[in-house]
Amino acid sequence: MESLVLKEKGYLEVDVDPTLDLFAEISKLKKEKNAIVLAHYYQDADIQDIADYIGDSLGLSQEAAKTNADIIVFAGVHFMAETAKILSPQKKVLLPDLRAGCSLADSCPADRFEEFIKQHPDHVVISYVNCSAEVKALTDIVVTSSNAEKIVNSVPKDKKIIFAPDKNLGAYIIKKTGRQMVLWNGTCMVHEIFSLEKIIKIKEKNLGAKLIAHPECDNSILEQADFIGSTTALLNFTIKSPDKEFIVATETGILHQMEKASPDKIFIPAPPTNNCACNDCPHMKLNTLEKLYVCLKYEQPEIIMPVELMNKARKSITRMLELSN
């Protein structure tokens, strides 16, 4: 019955006592099972607060590779949990909701990407970590927004490069490095729909507010930004900056850490082109504290992958970690 529900819904549907202290129960289960909770900055505040480690894709990959835990509960999206499993195949890796996918990863199907690579022979294939394990298996080096510039610069100048799947990040790295790269035409739904017009109006109302943006944003946003960087870089910038107001053009989950680190500062989520006041990732937000508790208690849903696929994909991730040190 449980496996049937899991297959249909993507998570275990279990009645949880509403009076249960989920923070205390999750903490107890972590100790009993030697489990660790890794959470991305874009998760809900409650999940961030119960996590053992909070970070961006690079930090989470590094943590997954070195943890001594027997169980990794990955509060993030599917490709992140896959990466953790690839780096720690001997460990049990759990994802609270298997439906937590990624629009960017979905924009690059492995079969189409393989054909794309064949059309551009003799190219070094660099893929942003926001892609499936199958795409990682076709890749020479994986990158994150934290290390993409450094890794692209490490490729010999006489080598041609394919960069996938995010065309906005790729275009930004071309500007930063001066390297010409063939770009796959993919984007992130969260970072693609920020409204420049609305952001400009917010800046006019909040004179002195600094616009900080993730490089997955459209170039029109990046051109107006006072600072561009990975999620961790954005957080560190707000901590170190003497400025007091920031318009944040990335997923709103990071505001929780920004507000905790700098309670005296004001953080304004950059609005999208639709009628919402802020821009949330619907995939990230599928994970909840209750699902995390059920997932850890019953040790489902579990990330299961073919050994051959993991071995192929691991090479590109390991190369990234080596070049990031």
Protein backbone atom coordinates (compact mmCIF):
# COMPACT_ATOMS: atom_id res chain seq x y z
CA MET A 1 0.00 0.00 0.00
CA GLU A 2 2.78 2.42 0.93
CA SER A 3 4.69 1.72 -2.30
CA LEU A 4 1.50 2.27 -4.33
CA VAL A 5 0.86 5.65 -2.70
CA LEU A 6 4.51 6.58 -3.13
CA LYS A 7 4.41 5.74 -6.83
CA GLU A 8 1.27 7.77 -7.44
CA LYS A 9 1.99 10.79 -5.25
CA GLY A 10 5.78 10.96 -5.11
CA TYR A 11 5.76 10.97 -1.29
CA LEU A 12 4.45 8.83 1.54
CA GLU A 13 1.01 9.99 2.60
CA VAL A 14 0.87 9.20 6.32
CA ASP A 15 -1.41 10.71 8.95
CA VAL A 16 0.80 12.70 11.33
CA ASP A 17 -0.42 13.76 14.76
CA PRO A 18 -0.84 17.58 14.43
CA THR A 19 0.29 18.04 18.05
CA LEU A 20 3.63 16.35 17.36
CA ASP A 21 6.73 18.50 17.81
CA LEU A 22 8.26 17.79 14.41
CA PHE A 23 11.52 19.57 15.23
CA ALA A 24 12.04 17.33 18.27
CA GLU A 25 10.95 14.16 16.43
CA ILE A 26 13.23 14.83 13.46
CA SER A 27 16.15 15.55 15.79
CA LYS A 28 15.51 12.26 17.62
CA LEU A 29 15.30 10.28 14.37
CA LYS A 30 18.54 11.81 13.10
CA LYS A 31 20.38 10.57 16.20
CA GLU A 32 18.77 7.12 16.12
CA LYS A 33 19.50 6.55 12.44
CA ASN A 34 22.81 8.44 12.11
CA ALA A 35 21.12 10.64 9.54
CA ILE A 36 21.94 14.11 8.26
CA VAL A 37 19.58 16.67 6.69
CA LEU A 38 21.07 18.71 3.87
CA ALA A 39 18.93 21.67 2.80
CA HIS A 40 19.20 24.12 -0.06
CA TYR A 41 18.83 27.83 0.62
CA TYR A 42 15.53 27.80 -1.33
CA GLN A 43 13.74 25.50 1.12
CA ASP A 44 11.09 26.75 3.55
CA ALA A 45 12.40 28.41 6.71
CA ASP A 46 11.34 25.50 8.96
CA ILE A 47 13.35 23.03 6.91
CA GLN A 48 16.37 25.32 6.90
CA ASP A 49 16.14 25.59 10.68
CA ILE A 50 16.16 21.80 11.22
CA ALA A 51 18.93 21.14 8.67
CA ASP A 52 22.44 20.08 9.66
CA TYR A 53 23.86 21.93 6.69
CA ILE A 54 22.37 24.68 4.52
CA GLY A 55 24.03 25.70 1.29
CA ASP A 56 24.06 26.15 -2.46
CA SER A 57 24.71 23.38 -4.99
CA LEU A 58 28.49 23.41 -4.59
CA GLY A 59 28.44 23.39 -0.79
CA LEU A 60 25.80 20.66 -0.70
CA SER A 61 27.81 18.49 -3.11
CA GLN A 62 30.92 18.90 -0.99
CA GLU A 63 29.00 18.07 2.19
CA ALA A 64 27.38 14.99 0.62
CA ALA A 65 30.81 13.74 -0.45
CA LYS A 66 32.38 13.98 3.02
CA THR A 67 29.58 13.17 5.48
CA ASN A 68 29.90 10.16 7.79
CA ALA A 69 26.13 9.79 8.11
CA ASP A 70 24.47 6.53 7.06
CA ILE A 71 21.39 8.34 5.73
CA ILE A 72 21.25 11.61 3.81
CA VAL A 73 17.87 13.35 3.72
CA PHE A 74 18.12 15.85 0.90
CA ALA A 75 15.77 18.78 1.29
CA GLY A 76 16.09 20.13 -2.20
CA VAL A 77 15.18 18.95 -5.69
CA HIS A 78 15.70 15.67 -7.51
CA PHE A 79 18.98 16.41 -9.31
CA MET A 80 20.55 17.45 -5.97
CA ALA A 81 19.55 14.18 -4.30
CA GLU A 82 20.87 12.30 -7.34
CA THR A 83 24.21 14.10 -6.99
CA ALA A 84 24.40 13.13 -3.31
CA LYS A 85 23.73 9.49 -4.21
CA ILE A 86 26.35 9.56 -6.98
CA LEU A 87 28.95 10.93 -4.56
CA SER A 88 27.95 8.59 -1.72
CA PRO A 89 26.60 5.44 -3.40
CA GLN A 90 27.01 3.37 -0.23
CA LYS A 91 24.66 5.66 1.72
CA LYS A 92 20.87 5.76 1.71
CA VAL A 93 19.72 9.03 0.13
CA LEU A 94 16.15 10.17 0.72
CA LEU A 95 14.09 12.95 -0.90
CA PRO A 96 10.90 14.02 0.93
CA ASP A 97 8.96 14.44 -2.34
CA LEU A 98 10.09 12.79 -5.59
CA ARG A 99 8.07 15.34 -7.58
CA ALA A 100 10.52 18.06 -6.55
CA GLY A 101 12.07 18.42 -9.98
CA CYS A 102 13.75 21.31 -11.77
CA SER A 103 12.53 23.26 -14.80
CA LEU A 104 16.13 23.85 -15.90
CA ALA A 105 17.03 20.15 -15.70
CA ASP A 106 13.81 19.32 -17.58
CA SER A 107 14.81 21.72 -20.37
CA CYS A 108 17.75 19.45 -21.27
CA PRO A 109 16.62 15.88 -22.02
CA ALA A 110 19.62 13.54 -22.20
CA ASP A 111 18.75 12.05 -25.61
CA ARG A 112 18.49 15.49 -27.24
CA PHE A 113 21.63 16.67 -25.48
CA GLU A 114 23.55 13.65 -26.75
CA GLU A 115 22.54 14.57 -30.32
CA PHE A 116 23.59 18.17 -29.65
CA ILE A 117 27.04 16.99 -28.54
CA LYS A 118 27.39 14.90 -31.72
CA GLN A 119 26.68 18.04 -33.76
CA HIS A 120 29.63 19.75 -32.05
CA PRO A 121 32.48 17.23 -32.03
CA ASP A 122 35.78 17.97 -30.32
CA HIS A 123 34.13 20.23 -27.71
CA VAL A 124 34.71 20.02 -23.97
CA VAL A 125 31.25 19.51 -22.44
CA ILE A 126 30.60 21.63 -19.35
CA SER A 127 27.22 21.26 -17.65
CA TYR A 128 25.69 23.26 -14.84
CA VAL A 129 24.91 20.98 -11.88
CA ASN A 130 21.19 21.68 -12.43
CA CYS A 131 20.80 18.74 -14.80
CA SER A 132 19.91 15.05 -14.66
CA ALA A 133 22.35 12.26 -13.88
CA GLU A 134 22.02 11.15 -17.51
CA VAL A 135 23.25 14.56 -18.71
CA LYS A 136 26.07 14.52 -16.15
CA ALA A 137 27.12 11.17 -17.61
CA LEU A 138 27.52 12.89 -21.01
CA THR A 139 29.52 15.73 -19.44
CA ASP A 140 33.26 16.28 -19.00
CA ILE A 141 33.05 18.75 -16.12
CA VAL A 142 30.10 19.79 -13.97
CA VAL A 143 30.01 23.37 -12.64
CA THR A 144 27.94 25.45 -10.23
CA SER A 145 27.35 29.19 -10.34
CA SER A 146 30.03 29.47 -7.64
CA ASN A 147 32.81 27.93 -9.70
CA ALA A 148 31.73 28.14 -13.37
CA GLU A 149 34.02 31.07 -14.20
CA LYS A 150 37.05 29.40 -12.60
CA ILE A 151 36.43 26.07 -14.31
CA VAL A 152 35.82 27.56 -17.76
CA ASN A 153 39.08 29.49 -17.37
CA SER A 154 40.85 26.20 -16.54
CA VAL A 155 40.02 24.74 -19.97
CA PRO A 156 42.91 25.24 -22.44
CA LYS A 157 42.31 28.17 -24.79
CA ASP A 158 42.54 25.95 -27.87
CA LYS A 159 39.63 23.79 -26.70
CA LYS A 160 36.09 24.53 -27.82
CA ILE A 161 33.36 24.38 -25.16
CA ILE A 162 29.71 23.37 -24.98
CA PHE A 163 27.93 24.92 -21.98
CA ALA A 164 24.58 23.54 -20.82
CA PRO A 165 21.81 23.75 -19.83
CA ASP A 166 21.38 27.39 -18.65
CA LYS A 167 21.87 29.90 -21.47
CA ASN A 168 21.75 32.90 -19.11
CA LEU A 169 24.52 31.57 -16.87
CA GLY A 170 26.45 30.58 -19.99
CA ALA A 171 26.14 34.07 -21.50
CA TYR A 172 27.27 35.61 -18.22
CA ILE A 173 30.33 33.33 -18.10
CA ILE A 174 31.17 34.25 -21.71
CA LYS A 175 31.21 37.91 -20.67
CA LYS A 176 33.34 37.20 -17.60
CA THR A 177 35.89 34.96 -19.32
CA GLY A 178 35.89 36.12 -22.92
CA ARG A 179 35.61 32.46 -24.00
CA GLN A 180 33.25 31.68 -26.84
CA MET A 181 31.00 28.75 -25.96
CA VAL A 182 28.18 26.90 -27.67
CA LEU A 183 25.15 27.31 -25.42
CA TRP A 184 22.27 24.92 -24.88
CA ASN A 185 18.97 26.83 -24.92
CA GLY A 186 17.72 26.18 -21.37
CA THR A 187 16.52 28.43 -18.55
CA CYS A 188 15.27 28.32 -14.97
CA MET A 189 11.60 29.26 -14.61
CA VAL A 190 12.29 31.16 -11.39
CA HIS A 191 15.14 33.31 -12.64
CA GLU A 192 13.75 33.83 -16.14
CA ILE A 193 10.59 35.75 -15.21
CA PHE A 194 11.81 38.57 -12.99
CA SER A 195 10.24 41.83 -14.13
CA LEU A 196 12.77 44.56 -14.93
CA GLU A 197 9.98 47.14 -15.04
CA LYS A 198 8.76 46.25 -11.54
CA ILE A 199 12.32 46.12 -10.18
CA ILE A 200 13.04 49.61 -11.51
CA LYS A 201 9.88 50.89 -9.81
CA ILE A 202 10.98 49.33 -6.52
CA LYS A 203 14.40 50.98 -6.87
CA GLU A 204 12.71 54.33 -7.46
CA LYS A 205 10.66 53.89 -4.27
CA ASN A 206 13.63 52.62 -2.27
CA LEU A 207 16.48 54.94 -3.21
CA GLY A 208 19.81 53.45 -2.28
CA ALA A 209 18.59 49.84 -2.32
CA LYS A 210 21.11 47.57 -4.04
CA LEU A 211 19.91 45.10 -6.66
CA ILE A 212 21.68 41.75 -6.23
CA ALA A 213 21.08 38.98 -8.75
CA HIS A 214 21.85 35.36 -9.49
CA PRO A 215 23.61 34.83 -12.87
CA GLU A 216 20.73 32.59 -14.02
CA CYS A 217 18.70 35.80 -14.43
CA ASP A 218 18.09 37.33 -17.84
CA ASN A 219 20.79 39.73 -19.06
CA SER A 220 18.41 42.70 -18.78
CA ILE A 221 18.32 42.11 -15.00
CA LEU A 222 22.05 41.47 -14.72
CA GLU A 223 22.84 44.73 -16.50
CA GLN A 224 20.99 46.62 -13.76
CA ALA A 225 22.46 44.63 -10.87
CA ASP A 226 24.85 46.13 -8.33
CA PHE A 227 26.19 42.66 -7.55
CA ILE A 228 25.94 39.29 -9.35
CA GLY A 229 26.79 35.99 -7.71
CA SER A 230 25.82 32.51 -6.60
CA THR A 231 23.32 32.09 -3.80
CA THR A 232 26.10 31.87 -1.22
CA ALA A 233 27.88 34.87 -2.75
CA LEU A 234 24.67 36.91 -2.56
CA LEU A 235 24.26 36.01 1.11
CA ASN A 236 27.88 36.90 1.92
CA PHE A 237 27.58 40.19 0.04
CA THR A 238 24.60 41.28 2.15
CA ILE A 239 26.47 40.38 5.34
CA LYS A 240 29.62 42.32 4.43
CA SER A 241 28.02 45.28 2.65
CA PRO A 242 27.49 48.52 4.61
CA ASP A 243 24.25 49.04 2.66
CA LYS A 244 20.98 48.51 4.51
CA GLU A 245 18.48 47.67 1.74
CA PHE A 246 18.66 45.00 -0.94
CA ILE A 247 16.41 43.91 -3.80
CA VAL A 248 17.09 40.20 -4.16
CA ALA A 249 16.70 38.64 -7.63
CA THR A 250 16.77 34.95 -6.84
CA GLU A 251 14.42 32.43 -5.18
CA THR A 252 12.94 33.89 -1.99
CA GLY A 253 14.08 31.06 0.32
CA ILE A 254 17.49 32.74 0.70
CA LEU A 255 15.87 35.74 2.42
CA HIS A 256 15.49 33.65 5.58
CA GLN A 257 19.26 33.31 5.96
CA MET A 258 19.83 36.94 4.97
CA GLU A 259 17.41 38.16 7.62
CA LYS A 260 18.93 35.89 10.27
CA ALA A 261 22.45 37.08 9.47
CA SER A 262 21.54 40.78 9.18
CA PRO A 263 18.37 41.51 11.19
CA ASP A 264 19.01 45.24 10.93
CA LYS A 265 18.80 45.20 7.11
CA ILE A 266 15.83 45.20 4.72
CA PHE A 267 15.47 42.54 2.00
CA ILE A 268 12.96 43.00 -0.79
CA PRO A 269 12.19 40.00 -3.06
CA ALA A 270 12.41 40.96 -6.73
CA PRO A 271 8.96 40.50 -8.31
CA PRO A 272 8.19 38.33 -11.35
CA THR A 273 6.22 39.33 -14.46
CA ASN A 274 3.05 37.67 -13.11
CA ASN A 275 0.83 39.05 -10.34
CA CYS A 276 2.79 37.50 -7.48
CA ALA A 277 4.75 39.69 -5.07
CA CYS A 278 7.74 37.35 -5.04
CA ASN A 279 9.20 34.47 -7.01
CA ASP A 280 9.13 31.02 -5.39
CA CYS A 281 10.27 27.74 -6.95
CA PRO A 282 7.21 25.47 -6.90
CA HIS A 283 9.45 22.39 -7.00
CA MET A 284 11.55 23.41 -3.98
CA LYS A 285 8.42 24.23 -2.03
CA LEU A 286 6.97 20.72 -2.50
CA ASN A 287 9.13 19.62 0.43
CA THR A 288 7.56 20.32 3.82
CA LEU A 289 8.59 19.70 7.41
CA GLU A 290 5.91 17.01 7.73
CA LYS A 291 7.07 15.21 4.57
CA LEU A 292 10.66 15.39 5.82
CA TYR A 293 9.63 13.77 9.11
CA VAL A 294 7.69 10.97 7.38
CA CYS A 295 10.50 10.46 4.89
CA LEU A 296 13.09 10.02 7.65
CA LYS A 297 10.83 7.84 9.81
CA TYR A 298 9.95 5.37 7.05
CA GLU A 299 13.15 5.90 5.00
CA GLN A 300 11.17 6.58 1.83
CA PRO A 301 11.22 7.87 -0.89
CA GLU A 302 14.75 6.62 -1.58
CA ILE A 303 16.90 7.62 -4.54
CA ILE A 304 17.75 4.45 -6.47
CA MET A 305 20.02 4.65 -9.53
CA PRO A 306 21.80 2.16 -11.81
CA VAL A 307 25.44 1.63 -10.78
CA GLU A 308 26.69 2.14 -14.35
CA LEU A 309 24.94 5.52 -14.59
CA MET A 310 26.33 6.64 -11.24
CA ASN A 311 29.85 5.65 -12.26
CA LYS A 312 29.63 7.60 -15.52
CA ALA A 313 28.12 10.68 -13.89
CA ARG A 314 30.57 10.66 -10.98
CA LYS A 315 33.54 11.45 -13.23
CA SER A 316 32.24 14.90 -14.19
CA ILE A 317 31.24 15.77 -10.62
CA THR A 318 34.55 14.57 -9.18
CA ARG A 319 36.37 16.69 -11.75
CA MET A 320 34.41 19.72 -10.54
CA LEU A 321 35.26 19.05 -6.91
CA GLU A 322 38.94 18.66 -7.79
CA LEU A 323 39.00 21.96 -9.68
CA SER A 324 37.07 23.72 -6.90
CA ASN A 325 39.71 23.05 -4.23
